[in-house]
N, C-alpha and C. Protein backbone atom coordinates (compact mmCIF):
# COMPACT_ATOMS: atom_id res chain seq x y z
N MET A 1 -5.17 -2.60 -10.61
CA MET A 1 -4.18 -3.66 -10.49
C MET A 1 -2.81 -3.12 -10.90
N GLN A 2 -1.80 -3.57 -10.21
CA GLN A 2 -0.43 -3.14 -10.48
C GLN A 2 0.35 -4.31 -11.10
N PRO A 3 0.77 -4.18 -12.37
CA PRO A 3 1.57 -5.26 -12.96
C PRO A 3 3.03 -5.15 -12.55
N ILE A 4 3.63 -6.28 -12.22
CA ILE A 4 5.08 -6.37 -12.01
C ILE A 4 5.58 -7.58 -12.78
N PHE A 5 6.83 -7.53 -13.15
CA PHE A 5 7.49 -8.65 -13.81
C PHE A 5 8.60 -9.13 -12.90
N VAL A 6 8.74 -10.44 -12.77
CA VAL A 6 9.81 -10.99 -11.95
C VAL A 6 10.57 -12.03 -12.76
N MET A 7 11.88 -11.85 -12.83
CA MET A 7 12.75 -12.84 -13.44
C MET A 7 13.16 -13.81 -12.34
N VAL A 8 13.10 -15.10 -12.64
CA VAL A 8 13.31 -16.13 -11.63
C VAL A 8 14.43 -17.07 -12.06
N LYS A 9 15.40 -17.30 -11.14
CA LYS A 9 16.43 -18.33 -11.32
C LYS A 9 15.98 -19.55 -10.54
N CYS A 10 16.18 -20.71 -11.15
CA CYS A 10 15.76 -21.96 -10.52
C CYS A 10 16.95 -22.89 -10.29
N GLU A 11 16.76 -23.84 -9.37
CA GLU A 11 17.75 -24.89 -9.22
C GLU A 11 17.85 -25.62 -10.55
N LEU A 12 19.02 -26.17 -10.83
CA LEU A 12 19.23 -26.89 -12.09
C LEU A 12 18.18 -27.97 -12.27
N GLY A 13 17.57 -28.00 -13.44
CA GLY A 13 16.59 -29.02 -13.77
C GLY A 13 15.22 -28.81 -13.17
N LYS A 14 14.97 -27.68 -12.52
CA LYS A 14 13.70 -27.47 -11.81
C LYS A 14 12.81 -26.39 -12.43
N ALA A 15 13.20 -25.81 -13.56
CA ALA A 15 12.45 -24.68 -14.12
C ALA A 15 10.99 -25.03 -14.42
N TYR A 16 10.74 -26.19 -14.98
CA TYR A 16 9.36 -26.55 -15.33
C TYR A 16 8.53 -26.79 -14.07
N ALA A 17 9.11 -27.41 -13.07
CA ALA A 17 8.39 -27.64 -11.81
C ALA A 17 8.10 -26.32 -11.11
N VAL A 18 9.06 -25.40 -11.14
CA VAL A 18 8.84 -24.08 -10.53
C VAL A 18 7.76 -23.33 -11.29
N ALA A 19 7.79 -23.38 -12.60
CA ALA A 19 6.76 -22.71 -13.41
C ALA A 19 5.37 -23.24 -13.06
N GLU A 20 5.25 -24.54 -12.92
CA GLU A 20 3.97 -25.13 -12.54
C GLU A 20 3.54 -24.69 -11.15
N SER A 21 4.48 -24.65 -10.20
CA SER A 21 4.17 -24.20 -8.84
C SER A 21 3.67 -22.77 -8.83
N ILE A 22 4.34 -21.91 -9.57
CA ILE A 22 3.92 -20.50 -9.64
C ILE A 22 2.51 -20.41 -10.20
N SER A 23 2.26 -21.12 -11.29
CA SER A 23 0.93 -21.09 -11.92
C SER A 23 -0.15 -21.64 -11.00
N ASP A 24 0.16 -22.70 -10.29
CA ASP A 24 -0.83 -23.37 -9.44
C ASP A 24 -1.06 -22.66 -8.10
N GLU A 25 0.01 -22.10 -7.52
CA GLU A 25 -0.07 -21.61 -6.14
C GLU A 25 -0.25 -20.10 -5.99
N LEU A 26 0.08 -19.34 -7.02
CA LEU A 26 0.01 -17.88 -6.89
C LEU A 26 -1.02 -17.33 -7.87
N GLU A 27 -2.19 -16.99 -7.35
CA GLU A 27 -3.27 -16.50 -8.22
C GLU A 27 -2.93 -15.17 -8.87
N GLU A 28 -1.96 -14.46 -8.34
CA GLU A 28 -1.53 -13.19 -8.93
C GLU A 28 -0.76 -13.38 -10.23
N ALA A 29 -0.28 -14.60 -10.48
CA ALA A 29 0.49 -14.88 -11.70
C ALA A 29 -0.42 -14.86 -12.91
N SER A 30 -0.09 -14.01 -13.87
CA SER A 30 -0.87 -13.89 -15.10
C SER A 30 -0.26 -14.74 -16.22
N GLU A 31 1.07 -14.65 -16.37
CA GLU A 31 1.77 -15.36 -17.43
C GLU A 31 3.13 -15.81 -16.91
N VAL A 32 3.54 -17.02 -17.29
CA VAL A 32 4.85 -17.55 -16.92
C VAL A 32 5.54 -18.00 -18.19
N TYR A 33 6.71 -17.44 -18.47
CA TYR A 33 7.47 -17.76 -19.67
C TYR A 33 8.80 -18.41 -19.29
N SER A 34 9.22 -19.42 -20.03
CA SER A 34 10.59 -19.91 -19.90
C SER A 34 11.47 -18.99 -20.75
N THR A 35 12.68 -18.76 -20.29
CA THR A 35 13.59 -17.84 -20.98
C THR A 35 14.99 -18.44 -21.04
N SER A 36 15.82 -17.85 -21.87
CA SER A 36 17.23 -18.24 -21.89
C SER A 36 18.03 -17.10 -21.30
N GLY A 37 19.24 -17.40 -20.88
CA GLY A 37 20.09 -16.38 -20.30
C GLY A 37 20.28 -16.58 -18.81
N GLN A 38 20.49 -15.50 -18.09
CA GLN A 38 20.79 -15.58 -16.66
C GLN A 38 19.62 -16.11 -15.84
N PHE A 39 18.39 -15.86 -16.28
CA PHE A 39 17.21 -16.29 -15.54
C PHE A 39 16.46 -17.34 -16.34
N ASP A 40 15.74 -18.20 -15.63
CA ASP A 40 15.03 -19.32 -16.25
C ASP A 40 13.59 -19.00 -16.61
N LEU A 41 12.96 -18.12 -15.84
CA LEU A 41 11.55 -17.79 -16.03
C LEU A 41 11.34 -16.29 -15.97
N LEU A 42 10.33 -15.83 -16.68
CA LEU A 42 9.85 -14.45 -16.58
C LEU A 42 8.37 -14.55 -16.25
N VAL A 43 7.97 -13.94 -15.14
CA VAL A 43 6.59 -14.06 -14.68
C VAL A 43 5.95 -12.68 -14.58
N LYS A 44 4.75 -12.57 -15.13
CA LYS A 44 3.97 -11.33 -15.01
C LYS A 44 2.92 -11.56 -13.92
N PHE A 45 2.94 -10.68 -12.93
CA PHE A 45 1.98 -10.73 -11.83
C PHE A 45 1.12 -9.48 -11.85
N TYR A 46 -0.11 -9.61 -11.42
CA TYR A 46 -0.97 -8.46 -11.17
C TYR A 46 -1.26 -8.42 -9.68
N LEU A 47 -0.79 -7.36 -9.02
CA LEU A 47 -1.01 -7.19 -7.59
C LEU A 47 -2.06 -6.11 -7.36
N GLN A 48 -2.73 -6.18 -6.23
CA GLN A 48 -3.66 -5.13 -5.84
C GLN A 48 -2.86 -3.84 -5.63
N GLU A 49 -3.49 -2.70 -5.86
CA GLU A 49 -2.79 -1.40 -5.75
C GLU A 49 -2.14 -1.21 -4.38
N ASN A 50 -2.78 -1.70 -3.33
CA ASN A 50 -2.25 -1.50 -1.98
C ASN A 50 -1.39 -2.68 -1.51
N GLN A 51 -1.15 -3.66 -2.37
CA GLN A 51 -0.37 -4.84 -1.99
C GLN A 51 1.11 -4.50 -1.99
N ASP A 52 1.82 -4.91 -0.96
CA ASP A 52 3.25 -4.64 -0.80
C ASP A 52 4.04 -5.57 -1.72
N VAL A 53 4.71 -4.99 -2.71
CA VAL A 53 5.46 -5.76 -3.70
C VAL A 53 6.57 -6.56 -3.03
N GLY A 54 7.32 -5.91 -2.15
CA GLY A 54 8.44 -6.58 -1.47
C GLY A 54 8.00 -7.78 -0.66
N ARG A 55 6.92 -7.62 0.07
CA ARG A 55 6.41 -8.75 0.87
C ARG A 55 5.91 -9.88 -0.03
N PHE A 56 5.23 -9.52 -1.11
CA PHE A 56 4.74 -10.56 -2.03
C PHE A 56 5.90 -11.37 -2.57
N VAL A 57 6.93 -10.68 -3.07
CA VAL A 57 8.05 -11.38 -3.69
C VAL A 57 8.82 -12.21 -2.66
N THR A 58 9.13 -11.62 -1.51
CA THR A 58 9.97 -12.33 -0.54
C THR A 58 9.22 -13.39 0.26
N GLU A 59 7.94 -13.19 0.52
CA GLU A 59 7.21 -14.12 1.37
C GLU A 59 6.38 -15.14 0.61
N GLN A 60 5.95 -14.82 -0.60
CA GLN A 60 5.11 -15.75 -1.35
C GLN A 60 5.84 -16.39 -2.52
N LEU A 61 6.61 -15.61 -3.27
CA LEU A 61 7.29 -16.17 -4.44
C LEU A 61 8.61 -16.84 -4.08
N GLN A 62 9.50 -16.13 -3.40
CA GLN A 62 10.84 -16.66 -3.12
C GLN A 62 10.83 -17.88 -2.22
N THR A 63 9.74 -18.13 -1.52
CA THR A 63 9.67 -19.29 -0.63
C THR A 63 9.26 -20.57 -1.34
N LEU A 64 8.89 -20.48 -2.62
CA LEU A 64 8.54 -21.69 -3.37
C LEU A 64 9.78 -22.55 -3.60
N THR A 65 9.61 -23.83 -3.49
CA THR A 65 10.71 -24.79 -3.67
C THR A 65 11.30 -24.68 -5.07
N GLY A 66 12.63 -24.61 -5.14
CA GLY A 66 13.33 -24.61 -6.42
C GLY A 66 13.77 -23.25 -6.90
N ILE A 67 13.33 -22.18 -6.23
CA ILE A 67 13.74 -20.82 -6.62
C ILE A 67 15.01 -20.44 -5.88
N THR A 68 16.01 -19.98 -6.63
CA THR A 68 17.27 -19.59 -6.01
C THR A 68 17.52 -18.09 -6.02
N ASP A 69 16.87 -17.35 -6.94
CA ASP A 69 17.08 -15.91 -7.02
C ASP A 69 15.96 -15.29 -7.83
N THR A 70 15.70 -14.01 -7.57
CA THR A 70 14.71 -13.27 -8.36
C THR A 70 15.21 -11.86 -8.62
N GLN A 71 14.66 -11.27 -9.65
CA GLN A 71 14.88 -9.85 -9.93
C GLN A 71 13.52 -9.27 -10.32
N THR A 72 13.09 -8.24 -9.61
CA THR A 72 11.76 -7.68 -9.79
C THR A 72 11.82 -6.40 -10.61
N ILE A 73 10.89 -6.28 -11.54
CA ILE A 73 10.76 -5.07 -12.35
C ILE A 73 9.38 -4.49 -12.06
N VAL A 74 9.36 -3.28 -11.47
CA VAL A 74 8.11 -2.59 -11.19
C VAL A 74 7.79 -1.71 -12.39
N THR A 75 6.55 -1.74 -12.84
CA THR A 75 6.16 -0.99 -14.02
C THR A 75 5.39 0.28 -13.64
N PHE A 76 5.34 1.22 -14.56
CA PHE A 76 4.68 2.50 -14.32
C PHE A 76 3.51 2.74 -15.26
N LYS A 77 3.76 2.76 -16.55
CA LYS A 77 2.73 3.09 -17.53
C LYS A 77 2.80 2.09 -18.67
N VAL A 78 1.63 1.69 -19.15
CA VAL A 78 1.57 0.82 -20.31
C VAL A 78 1.28 1.66 -21.54
N PHE A 79 1.95 1.37 -22.64
CA PHE A 79 1.73 2.08 -23.89
C PHE A 79 1.08 1.12 -24.88
N ASN A 80 0.06 1.55 -25.53
CA ASN A 80 -0.64 0.70 -26.49
C ASN A 80 -0.15 0.92 -27.89
C-alpha cells in the first residue's frame, strides 16, 4: 500500500460535511483531520501500489461536493 497525504480546502462552512463525505465515500481514506491554516482538512489515504495518484485525487477526491482545492504529498519511507 502507498500512503499519501492530501490537504483539502473546503467551501466556507462545509469542512465537516466534506470530512464526512471523504470518510463515507472513499474507502482509501484512513484518517481525516480538521486543521487550521490555509487548508481545512488533512487526509491520509492508502492507495494500491499500482493505483494512479493523480487520477485518484482529480477524479475521486476533487469531485466531491464542497472541495475547492487540494495539495497532495506523496510519501517515500516511514521511520519508526
